[in-house]
Amino acid sequence: MLSQFQSLRVIVQPFVQICLLRQGPQDLPTSGILLAITLSAYTLLTALLSNVSMSAANAVVWGLISTVLMVAFTVILLSVQRRPARLVQTLAALAGTGALLTLIALPVFGWLHGADLKAGEGALAWLIVVVLTLWSLAVTGHILRHALSVPYFVGLVLAVVFYLISVSVFRTLFPAAA
């Protein structure tokens, strides 16, 4: 049991370091297996988080769409910058850190969903959601900065653009849940 925990720690630790802005995508191995694991975790956790406010079927669809959007956005950015060799590490970094931050957000969204907002409950939960969103944008900007070899500000702007695209697609496809 201890060795399994240590193995999991070895896998998760680089993503924690990226979330703390101490490492970048270039510090991950170029591994198709790691990419498959992180994309699967990202899709699953995005679906679980979405299931707090929508049906399970729609949550699964959103998890898949969210992953496809992330992949497409990353492929386009790396292609424009002529850096396709960085794709596997960049996607693994984005998916792995996204999964980790979503795992942290799950109980907060559960708390928020159960709060009576009209009675003033949930203010702290909303604050935590805002902090997690800003942290996620900072991490995404950090990853894109390294992947594209651009200043952090450019990576951050691209992270915000991707976030706005995702929100727009979500609201268009699932207006009742938005």
N, C-alpha and C. Protein backbone atom coordinates (compact mmCIF):
# COMPACT_ATOMS: atom_id res chain seq x y z
N MET A 1 0.83 -1.20 0.00
CA MET A 1 0.00 0.00 0.00
C MET A 1 0.87 1.26 0.00
N LEU A 2 1.91 1.25 0.81
CA LEU A 2 2.80 2.40 0.88
C LEU A 2 3.51 2.64 -0.44
N SER A 3 3.90 1.58 -1.12
CA SER A 3 4.59 1.74 -2.41
C SER A 3 3.64 2.30 -3.47
N GLN A 4 2.36 1.94 -3.40
CA GLN A 4 1.39 2.51 -4.34
C GLN A 4 1.21 4.00 -4.09
N PHE A 5 1.19 4.39 -2.80
CA PHE A 5 1.08 5.80 -2.46
C PHE A 5 2.31 6.56 -2.94
N GLN A 6 3.48 5.96 -2.77
CA GLN A 6 4.71 6.60 -3.22
C GLN A 6 4.74 6.72 -4.74
N SER A 7 4.23 5.72 -5.45
CA SER A 7 4.16 5.78 -6.91
C SER A 7 3.23 6.90 -7.36
N LEU A 8 2.09 7.01 -6.70
CA LEU A 8 1.14 8.07 -7.02
C LEU A 8 1.77 9.44 -6.73
N ARG A 9 2.48 9.54 -5.63
CA ARG A 9 3.14 10.79 -5.27
C ARG A 9 4.17 11.19 -6.33
N VAL A 10 4.90 10.21 -6.86
CA VAL A 10 5.90 10.49 -7.89
C VAL A 10 5.22 11.03 -9.15
N ILE A 11 4.04 10.52 -9.46
CA ILE A 11 3.31 10.98 -10.65
C ILE A 11 2.71 12.37 -10.42
N VAL A 12 2.15 12.60 -9.24
CA VAL A 12 1.43 13.85 -8.96
C VAL A 12 2.38 15.01 -8.65
N GLN A 13 3.51 14.73 -8.04
CA GLN A 13 4.43 15.78 -7.57
C GLN A 13 4.81 16.80 -8.65
N PRO A 14 5.17 16.39 -9.86
CA PRO A 14 5.51 17.41 -10.88
C PRO A 14 4.34 18.36 -11.19
N PHE A 15 3.13 17.86 -11.12
CA PHE A 15 1.97 18.70 -11.40
C PHE A 15 1.73 19.69 -10.25
N VAL A 16 2.00 19.25 -9.03
CA VAL A 16 1.94 20.17 -7.89
C VAL A 16 2.97 21.27 -8.08
N GLN A 17 4.17 20.91 -8.50
CA GLN A 17 5.23 21.90 -8.71
C GLN A 17 4.86 22.88 -9.83
N ILE A 18 4.21 22.38 -10.87
CA ILE A 18 3.76 23.28 -11.94
C ILE A 18 2.67 24.20 -11.41
N CYS A 19 1.74 23.66 -10.60
CA CYS A 19 0.69 24.51 -10.01
C CYS A 19 1.27 25.59 -9.10
N LEU A 20 2.42 25.32 -8.52
CA LEU A 20 3.09 26.30 -7.67
C LEU A 20 4.04 27.20 -8.47
N LEU A 21 4.01 27.03 -9.80
CA LEU A 21 4.81 27.81 -10.74
C LEU A 21 6.32 27.60 -10.54
N ARG A 22 6.69 26.45 -10.02
CA ARG A 22 8.10 26.13 -9.78
C ARG A 22 8.72 25.32 -10.91
N GLN A 23 7.89 24.66 -11.68
CA GLN A 23 8.35 23.89 -12.83
C GLN A 23 7.45 24.22 -14.01
N GLY A 24 7.86 23.79 -15.19
CA GLY A 24 7.07 24.03 -16.39
C GLY A 24 6.81 22.73 -17.12
N PRO A 25 6.11 22.79 -18.23
CA PRO A 25 5.79 21.57 -18.97
C PRO A 25 7.04 20.83 -19.45
N GLN A 26 8.12 21.57 -19.67
CA GLN A 26 9.36 20.96 -20.14
C GLN A 26 9.96 20.02 -19.10
N ASP A 27 9.51 20.10 -17.86
CA ASP A 27 10.01 19.24 -16.80
C ASP A 27 9.28 17.89 -16.73
N LEU A 28 8.26 17.74 -17.55
CA LEU A 28 7.54 16.46 -17.63
C LEU A 28 8.17 15.60 -18.72
N PRO A 29 8.07 14.29 -18.57
CA PRO A 29 8.57 13.43 -19.65
C PRO A 29 7.65 13.53 -20.87
N THR A 30 8.20 13.33 -22.04
CA THR A 30 7.39 13.27 -23.25
C THR A 30 6.87 11.84 -23.33
N SER A 31 5.71 11.63 -22.75
CA SER A 31 5.18 10.28 -22.60
C SER A 31 3.72 10.22 -23.04
N GLY A 32 3.45 9.35 -24.00
CA GLY A 32 2.08 9.15 -24.45
C GLY A 32 1.21 8.57 -23.34
N ILE A 33 1.81 7.73 -22.50
CA ILE A 33 1.05 7.13 -21.39
C ILE A 33 0.66 8.20 -20.38
N LEU A 34 1.62 9.07 -20.04
CA LEU A 34 1.30 10.16 -19.11
C LEU A 34 0.24 11.08 -19.71
N LEU A 35 0.34 11.36 -20.99
CA LEU A 35 -0.66 12.19 -21.65
C LEU A 35 -2.04 11.55 -21.58
N ALA A 36 -2.12 10.25 -21.86
CA ALA A 36 -3.41 9.55 -21.80
C ALA A 36 -3.99 9.58 -20.38
N ILE A 37 -3.14 9.38 -19.39
CA ILE A 37 -3.60 9.40 -17.99
C ILE A 37 -4.12 10.79 -17.63
N THR A 38 -3.36 11.83 -17.97
CA THR A 38 -3.77 13.18 -17.58
C THR A 38 -5.01 13.64 -18.33
N LEU A 39 -5.10 13.31 -19.61
CA LEU A 39 -6.31 13.69 -20.37
C LEU A 39 -7.53 12.95 -19.82
N SER A 40 -7.36 11.68 -19.48
CA SER A 40 -8.47 10.91 -18.90
C SER A 40 -8.89 11.49 -17.55
N ALA A 41 -7.90 11.81 -16.70
CA ALA A 41 -8.21 12.38 -15.39
C ALA A 41 -8.90 13.74 -15.55
N TYR A 42 -8.41 14.55 -16.47
CA TYR A 42 -9.01 15.86 -16.70
C TYR A 42 -10.47 15.72 -17.16
N THR A 43 -10.70 14.83 -18.10
CA THR A 43 -12.06 14.61 -18.61
C THR A 43 -12.98 14.12 -17.51
N LEU A 44 -12.53 13.13 -16.75
CA LEU A 44 -13.34 12.55 -15.69
C LEU A 44 -13.65 13.58 -14.60
N LEU A 45 -12.63 14.31 -14.16
CA LEU A 45 -12.85 15.27 -13.08
C LEU A 45 -13.67 16.47 -13.54
N THR A 46 -13.51 16.88 -14.79
CA THR A 46 -14.35 17.95 -15.33
C THR A 46 -15.81 17.50 -15.36
N ALA A 47 -16.04 16.26 -15.76
CA ALA A 47 -17.41 15.72 -15.76
C ALA A 47 -17.96 15.63 -14.34
N LEU A 48 -17.15 15.19 -13.39
CA LEU A 48 -17.61 15.12 -11.99
C LEU A 48 -17.96 16.50 -11.45
N LEU A 49 -17.12 17.47 -11.74
CA LEU A 49 -17.39 18.84 -11.28
C LEU A 49 -18.67 19.38 -11.92
N SER A 50 -18.85 19.12 -13.21
CA SER A 50 -20.04 19.60 -13.92
C SER A 50 -21.30 18.92 -13.42
N ASN A 51 -21.16 17.69 -12.95
CA ASN A 51 -22.32 16.93 -12.47
C ASN A 51 -22.92 17.55 -11.21
N VAL A 52 -22.22 18.48 -10.58
CA VAL A 52 -22.77 19.19 -9.43
C VAL A 52 -23.97 20.03 -9.86
N SER A 53 -23.93 20.56 -11.10
CA SER A 53 -24.99 21.47 -11.54
C SER A 53 -25.74 21.01 -12.78
N MET A 54 -25.44 19.83 -13.30
CA MET A 54 -26.15 19.35 -14.50
C MET A 54 -26.28 17.83 -14.45
N SER A 55 -27.06 17.29 -15.36
CA SER A 55 -27.26 15.85 -15.41
C SER A 55 -25.95 15.13 -15.70
N ALA A 56 -25.89 13.88 -15.33
CA ALA A 56 -24.67 13.09 -15.54
C ALA A 56 -24.32 13.00 -17.03
N ALA A 57 -25.33 12.82 -17.87
CA ALA A 57 -25.08 12.71 -19.31
C ALA A 57 -24.49 14.01 -19.86
N ASN A 58 -25.08 15.13 -19.49
CA ASN A 58 -24.55 16.42 -19.95
C ASN A 58 -23.17 16.69 -19.37
N ALA A 59 -22.95 16.27 -18.14
CA ALA A 59 -21.63 16.47 -17.52
C ALA A 59 -20.55 15.68 -18.26
N VAL A 60 -20.87 14.47 -18.66
CA VAL A 60 -19.91 13.67 -19.43
C VAL A 60 -19.64 14.33 -20.78
N VAL A 61 -20.70 14.79 -21.43
CA VAL A 61 -20.53 15.49 -22.71
C VAL A 61 -19.65 16.72 -22.52
N TRP A 62 -19.91 17.50 -21.46
CA TRP A 62 -19.10 18.69 -21.22
C TRP A 62 -17.65 18.31 -20.92
N GLY A 63 -17.43 17.26 -20.15
CA GLY A 63 -16.07 16.81 -19.87
C GLY A 63 -15.31 16.50 -21.15
N LEU A 64 -15.97 15.82 -22.08
CA LEU A 64 -15.35 15.49 -23.37
C LEU A 64 -15.11 16.74 -24.21
N ILE A 65 -16.11 17.61 -24.27
CA ILE A 65 -15.98 18.84 -25.07
C ILE A 65 -14.88 19.73 -24.48
N SER A 66 -14.83 19.84 -23.19
CA SER A 66 -13.81 20.66 -22.54
C SER A 66 -12.40 20.15 -22.88
N THR A 67 -12.25 18.84 -22.89
CA THR A 67 -10.95 18.25 -23.22
C THR A 67 -10.61 18.50 -24.69
N VAL A 68 -11.58 18.34 -25.57
CA VAL A 68 -11.34 18.59 -27.00
C VAL A 68 -10.97 20.06 -27.23
N LEU A 69 -11.65 20.98 -26.54
CA LEU A 69 -11.32 22.40 -26.66
C LEU A 69 -9.88 22.67 -26.23
N MET A 70 -9.48 22.08 -25.10
CA MET A 70 -8.12 22.28 -24.61
C MET A 70 -7.09 21.75 -25.61
N VAL A 71 -7.35 20.58 -26.14
CA VAL A 71 -6.43 19.98 -27.11
C VAL A 71 -6.36 20.85 -28.37
N ALA A 72 -7.52 21.23 -28.88
CA ALA A 72 -7.56 22.03 -30.11
C ALA A 72 -6.85 23.37 -29.92
N PHE A 73 -7.13 24.04 -28.83
CA PHE A 73 -6.51 25.34 -28.55
C PHE A 73 -4.99 25.20 -28.47
N THR A 74 -4.54 24.17 -27.80
CA THR A 74 -3.09 23.94 -27.63
C THR A 74 -2.44 23.59 -28.96
N VAL A 75 -3.08 22.74 -29.74
CA VAL A 75 -2.53 22.37 -31.06
C VAL A 75 -2.41 23.61 -31.94
N ILE A 76 -3.44 24.43 -31.94
CA ILE A 76 -3.42 25.65 -32.76
C ILE A 76 -2.29 26.59 -32.30
N LEU A 77 -2.19 26.83 -31.00
CA LEU A 77 -1.15 27.73 -30.50
C LEU A 77 0.25 27.22 -30.82
N LEU A 78 0.49 25.94 -30.59
CA LEU A 78 1.83 25.40 -30.85
C LEU A 78 2.13 25.33 -32.34
N SER A 79 1.11 25.12 -33.15
CA SER A 79 1.32 25.12 -34.61
C SER A 79 1.66 26.51 -35.11
N VAL A 80 0.94 27.51 -34.62
CA VAL A 80 1.21 28.90 -35.03
C VAL A 80 2.63 29.30 -34.64
N GLN A 81 3.06 28.87 -33.47
CA GLN A 81 4.41 29.20 -32.99
C GLN A 81 5.48 28.24 -33.52
N ARG A 82 5.05 27.28 -34.33
CA ARG A 82 5.96 26.28 -34.90
C ARG A 82 6.74 25.53 -33.81
N ARG A 83 5.99 25.03 -32.85
CA ARG A 83 6.57 24.27 -31.74
C ARG A 83 5.80 22.98 -31.49
N PRO A 84 5.54 22.20 -32.54
CA PRO A 84 4.73 20.99 -32.36
C PRO A 84 5.41 19.93 -31.49
N ALA A 85 6.73 19.98 -31.37
CA ALA A 85 7.43 18.99 -30.55
C ALA A 85 7.07 19.13 -29.07
N ARG A 86 6.51 20.26 -28.68
CA ARG A 86 6.16 20.51 -27.27
C ARG A 86 4.73 20.08 -26.93
N LEU A 87 4.02 19.53 -27.90
CA LEU A 87 2.60 19.24 -27.71
C LEU A 87 2.33 18.26 -26.57
N VAL A 88 3.00 17.14 -26.54
CA VAL A 88 2.71 16.11 -25.54
C VAL A 88 2.95 16.65 -24.13
N GLN A 89 4.07 17.30 -23.91
CA GLN A 89 4.37 17.83 -22.57
C GLN A 89 3.41 18.96 -22.19
N THR A 90 3.08 19.81 -23.14
CA THR A 90 2.17 20.93 -22.85
C THR A 90 0.78 20.42 -22.50
N LEU A 91 0.27 19.50 -23.31
CA LEU A 91 -1.06 18.95 -23.02
C LEU A 91 -1.07 18.19 -21.70
N ALA A 92 -0.03 17.42 -21.44
CA ALA A 92 0.04 16.69 -20.17
C ALA A 92 0.05 17.68 -19.00
N ALA A 93 0.80 18.77 -19.14
CA ALA A 93 0.86 19.78 -18.08
C ALA A 93 -0.51 20.44 -17.88
N LEU A 94 -1.14 20.84 -18.97
CA LEU A 94 -2.46 21.49 -18.87
C LEU A 94 -3.50 20.54 -18.29
N ALA A 95 -3.53 19.31 -18.77
CA ALA A 95 -4.52 18.34 -18.30
C ALA A 95 -4.24 17.92 -16.86
N GLY A 96 -2.98 17.68 -16.54
CA GLY A 96 -2.63 17.24 -15.19
C GLY A 96 -2.89 18.31 -14.15
N THR A 97 -2.49 19.53 -14.43
CA THR A 97 -2.76 20.61 -13.47
C THR A 97 -4.25 20.94 -13.43
N GLY A 98 -4.91 20.86 -14.58
CA GLY A 98 -6.36 21.08 -14.61
C GLY A 98 -7.09 20.04 -13.77
N ALA A 99 -6.66 18.79 -13.86
CA ALA A 99 -7.27 17.73 -13.06
C ALA A 99 -7.03 17.97 -11.57
N LEU A 100 -5.81 18.35 -11.24
CA LEU A 100 -5.46 18.59 -9.84
C LEU A 100 -6.27 19.75 -9.25
N LEU A 101 -6.36 20.85 -9.99
CA LEU A 101 -7.13 21.99 -9.50
C LEU A 101 -8.63 21.69 -9.45
N THR A 102 -9.10 20.89 -10.38
CA THR A 102 -10.51 20.48 -10.36
C THR A 102 -10.79 19.59 -9.16
N LEU A 103 -9.86 18.72 -8.82
CA LEU A 103 -10.00 17.87 -7.64
C LEU A 103 -10.12 18.74 -6.38
N ILE A 104 -9.33 19.79 -6.32
CA ILE A 104 -9.41 20.73 -5.19
C ILE A 104 -10.76 21.45 -5.19
N ALA A 105 -11.27 21.78 -6.39
CA ALA A 105 -12.51 22.54 -6.51
C ALA A 105 -13.77 21.72 -6.23
N LEU A 106 -13.70 20.42 -6.37
CA LEU A 106 -14.90 19.58 -6.21
C LEU A 106 -15.65 19.83 -4.90
N PRO A 107 -14.99 19.77 -3.74
CA PRO A 107 -15.76 20.00 -2.51
C PRO A 107 -16.28 21.43 -2.39
N VAL A 108 -15.55 22.38 -2.96
CA VAL A 108 -15.98 23.78 -2.90
C VAL A 108 -17.26 23.96 -3.71
N PHE A 109 -17.31 23.37 -4.90
CA PHE A 109 -18.51 23.48 -5.74
C PHE A 109 -19.68 22.72 -5.11
N GLY A 110 -19.39 21.60 -4.45
CA GLY A 110 -20.44 20.90 -3.72
C GLY A 110 -21.00 21.75 -2.60
N TRP A 111 -20.13 22.41 -1.88
CA TRP A 111 -20.52 23.32 -0.81
C TRP A 111 -21.35 24.47 -1.38
N LEU A 112 -20.88 25.05 -2.46
CA LEU A 112 -21.58 26.17 -3.08
C LEU A 112 -22.95 25.76 -3.60
N HIS A 113 -23.01 24.58 -4.20
CA HIS A 113 -24.29 24.09 -4.75
C HIS A 113 -25.33 23.88 -3.64
N GLY A 114 -24.86 23.49 -2.45
CA GLY A 114 -25.79 23.25 -1.35
C GLY A 114 -26.12 24.50 -0.55
N ALA A 115 -25.45 25.60 -0.83
CA ALA A 115 -25.66 26.83 -0.05
C ALA A 115 -26.90 27.56 -0.52
N ASP A 116 -27.55 28.22 0.41
CA ASP A 116 -28.68 29.09 0.09
C ASP A 116 -28.13 30.50 -0.11
N LEU A 117 -27.92 30.85 -1.38
CA LEU A 117 -27.28 32.12 -1.69
C LEU A 117 -28.14 33.32 -1.30
N LYS A 118 -29.47 33.15 -1.34
CA LYS A 118 -30.36 34.24 -0.96
C LYS A 118 -30.28 34.53 0.53
N ALA A 119 -29.91 33.52 1.31
CA ALA A 119 -29.78 33.70 2.76
C ALA A 119 -28.37 34.17 3.12
N GLY A 120 -27.55 34.41 2.12
CA GLY A 120 -26.21 34.91 2.38
C GLY A 120 -25.18 33.81 2.61
N GLU A 121 -25.60 32.57 2.44
CA GLU A 121 -24.65 31.47 2.60
C GLU A 121 -23.80 31.35 1.33
N GLY A 122 -22.66 30.80 1.47
CA GLY A 122 -21.84 30.52 0.29
C GLY A 122 -20.90 31.62 -0.12
N ALA A 123 -20.85 32.73 0.62
CA ALA A 123 -19.95 33.82 0.23
C ALA A 123 -18.50 33.36 0.26
N LEU A 124 -18.13 32.61 1.29
CA LEU A 124 -16.76 32.11 1.37
C LEU A 124 -16.49 31.12 0.24
N ALA A 125 -17.48 30.29 -0.08
CA ALA A 125 -17.31 29.34 -1.19
C ALA A 125 -17.08 30.09 -2.50
N TRP A 126 -17.85 31.16 -2.73
CA TRP A 126 -17.66 31.95 -3.95
C TRP A 126 -16.27 32.56 -4.00
N LEU A 127 -15.81 33.05 -2.87
CA LEU A 127 -14.46 33.62 -2.80
C LEU A 127 -13.41 32.57 -3.15
N ILE A 128 -13.59 31.37 -2.63
CA ILE A 128 -12.65 30.29 -2.93
C ILE A 128 -12.70 29.93 -4.41
N VAL A 129 -13.89 29.92 -5.00
CA VAL A 129 -14.04 29.65 -6.44
C VAL A 129 -13.28 30.71 -7.25
N VAL A 130 -13.42 31.96 -6.87
CA VAL A 130 -12.71 33.03 -7.57
C VAL A 130 -11.20 32.83 -7.45
N VAL A 131 -10.73 32.53 -6.26
CA VAL A 131 -9.29 32.30 -6.05
C VAL A 131 -8.82 31.11 -6.88
N LEU A 132 -9.58 30.02 -6.88
CA LEU A 132 -9.20 28.85 -7.68
C LEU A 132 -9.19 29.17 -9.17
N THR A 133 -10.14 29.98 -9.62
CA THR A 133 -10.18 30.37 -11.04
C THR A 133 -8.95 31.21 -11.39
N LEU A 134 -8.62 32.16 -10.54
CA LEU A 134 -7.43 32.99 -10.79
C LEU A 134 -6.16 32.15 -10.75
N TRP A 135 -6.10 31.21 -9.81
CA TRP A 135 -4.95 30.31 -9.73
C TRP A 135 -4.84 29.48 -10.99
N SER A 136 -5.96 28.96 -11.46
CA SER A 136 -5.98 28.15 -12.68
C SER A 136 -5.48 28.97 -13.87
N LEU A 137 -5.94 30.21 -13.97
CA LEU A 137 -5.48 31.08 -15.06
C LEU A 137 -3.98 31.34 -14.96
N ALA A 138 -3.49 31.55 -13.74
CA ALA A 138 -2.05 31.78 -13.54
C ALA A 138 -1.24 30.56 -13.95
N VAL A 139 -1.73 29.38 -13.60
CA VAL A 139 -1.02 28.14 -13.94
C VAL A 139 -1.04 27.92 -15.45
N THR A 140 -2.20 28.11 -16.07
CA THR A 140 -2.30 27.95 -17.52
C THR A 140 -1.39 28.95 -18.23
N GLY A 141 -1.39 30.19 -17.77
CA GLY A 141 -0.49 31.19 -18.36
C GLY A 141 0.96 30.81 -18.21
N HIS A 142 1.31 30.25 -17.06
CA HIS A 142 2.68 29.79 -16.79
C HIS A 142 3.08 28.66 -17.76
N ILE A 143 2.18 27.72 -17.95
CA ILE A 143 2.44 26.60 -18.86
C ILE A 143 2.60 27.11 -20.29
N LEU A 144 1.67 27.97 -20.72
CA LEU A 144 1.74 28.49 -22.09
C LEU A 144 2.97 29.35 -22.31
N ARG A 145 3.38 30.09 -21.30
CA ARG A 145 4.61 30.89 -21.40
C ARG A 145 5.79 30.00 -21.75
N HIS A 146 5.92 28.89 -21.03
CA HIS A 146 7.04 27.98 -21.28
C HIS A 146 6.89 27.27 -22.62
N ALA A 147 5.69 26.82 -22.91
CA ALA A 147 5.47 26.05 -24.14
C ALA A 147 5.70 26.88 -25.40
N LEU A 148 5.31 28.14 -25.34
CA LEU A 148 5.39 29.01 -26.51
C LEU A 148 6.63 29.90 -26.51
N SER A 149 7.39 29.88 -25.42
CA SER A 149 8.57 30.75 -25.27
C SER A 149 8.18 32.22 -25.45
N VAL A 150 7.18 32.62 -24.69
CA VAL A 150 6.69 34.01 -24.72
C VAL A 150 6.72 34.56 -23.29
N PRO A 151 6.60 35.88 -23.13
CA PRO A 151 6.53 36.45 -21.78
C PRO A 151 5.29 35.93 -21.02
N TYR A 152 5.40 35.94 -19.69
CA TYR A 152 4.31 35.45 -18.86
C TYR A 152 3.00 36.19 -19.15
N PHE A 153 3.08 37.49 -19.37
CA PHE A 153 1.87 38.27 -19.65
C PHE A 153 1.14 37.72 -20.88
N VAL A 154 1.87 37.35 -21.92
CA VAL A 154 1.26 36.79 -23.13
C VAL A 154 0.61 35.44 -22.80
N GLY A 155 1.30 34.62 -22.04
CA GLY A 155 0.72 33.34 -21.62
C GLY A 155 -0.56 33.54 -20.83
N LEU A 156 -0.55 34.54 -19.95
CA LEU A 156 -1.73 34.85 -19.14
C LEU A 156 -2.89 35.34 -20.00
N VAL A 157 -2.61 36.19 -20.96
CA VAL A 157 -3.65 36.67 -21.88
C VAL A 157 -4.25 35.49 -22.65
N LEU A 158 -3.39 34.60 -23.13
CA LEU A 158 -3.88 33.41 -23.85
C LEU A 158 -4.72 32.51 -22.94
N ALA A 159 -4.33 32.41 -21.67
CA ALA A 159 -5.12 31.62 -20.72
C ALA A 159 -6.50 32.22 -20.54
N VAL A 160 -6.57 33.54 -20.44
CA VAL A 160 -7.86 34.22 -20.29
C VAL A 160 -8.71 34.03 -21.55
N VAL A 161 -8.08 34.13 -22.73
CA VAL A 161 -8.81 33.92 -23.99
C VAL A 161 -9.38 32.51 -24.02
N PHE A 162 -8.57 31.52 -23.65
CA PHE A 162 -9.06 30.14 -23.64
C PHE A 162 -10.21 29.98 -22.64
N TYR A 163 -10.08 30.58 -21.48
CA TYR A 163 -11.13 30.52 -20.46
C TYR A 163 -12.44 31.11 -21.00
N LEU A 164 -12.34 32.27 -21.64
CA LEU A 164 -13.55 32.92 -22.19
C LEU A 164 -14.18 32.10 -23.31
N ILE A 165 -13.35 31.47 -24.13
CA ILE A 165 -13.87 30.58 -25.17
C ILE A 165 -14.61 29.41 -24.53
N SER A 166 -14.02 28.81 -23.52
CA SER A 166 -14.65 27.67 -22.84
C SER A 166 -15.97 28.06 -22.21
N VAL A 167 -15.99 29.19 -21.53
CA VAL A 167 -17.23 29.66 -20.89
C VAL A 167 -18.30 29.92 -21.95
N SER A 168 -17.91 30.54 -23.05
CA SER A 168 -18.85 30.84 -24.13
C SER A 168 -19.43 29.56 -24.73
N VAL A 169 -18.59 28.58 -24.98
CA VAL A 169 -19.06 27.31 -25.53
C VAL A 169 -19.99 26.63 -24.53
N PHE A 170 -19.61 26.63 -23.26
CA PHE A 170 -20.44 26.01 -22.22
C PHE A 170 -21.82 26.66 -22.16
N ARG A 171 -21.85 27.99 -22.13
CA ARG A 171 -23.13 28.71 -22.04
C ARG A 171 -23.98 28.50 -23.28
N THR A 172 -23.35 28.35 -24.43
CA THR A 172 -24.09 28.11 -25.66
C THR A 172 -24.70 26.71 -25.67
N LEU A 173 -23.93 25.72 -25.24
CA LEU A 173 -24.39 24.33 -25.29
C LEU A 173 -25.30 23.96 -24.13
N PHE A 174 -25.09 24.59 -22.98
CA PHE A 174 -25.84 24.24 -21.77
C PHE A 174 -26.41 25.49 -21.09
N PRO A 175 -27.32 26.20 -21.75
CA PRO A 175 -27.80 27.47 -21.18
C PRO A 175 -28.52 27.29 -19.84
N ALA A 176 -29.15 26.17 -19.62
CA ALA A 176 -29.88 25.95 -18.37
C ALA A 176 -28.92 25.81 -17.19
N ALA A 177 -27.73 25.29 -17.44
CA ALA A 177 -26.77 25.08 -16.36
C ALA A 177 -25.88 26.29 -16.13
N ALA A 178 -25.87 27.22 -17.07
CA ALA A 178 -24.93 28.36 -16.99
C ALA A 178 -25.31 29.38 -15.98
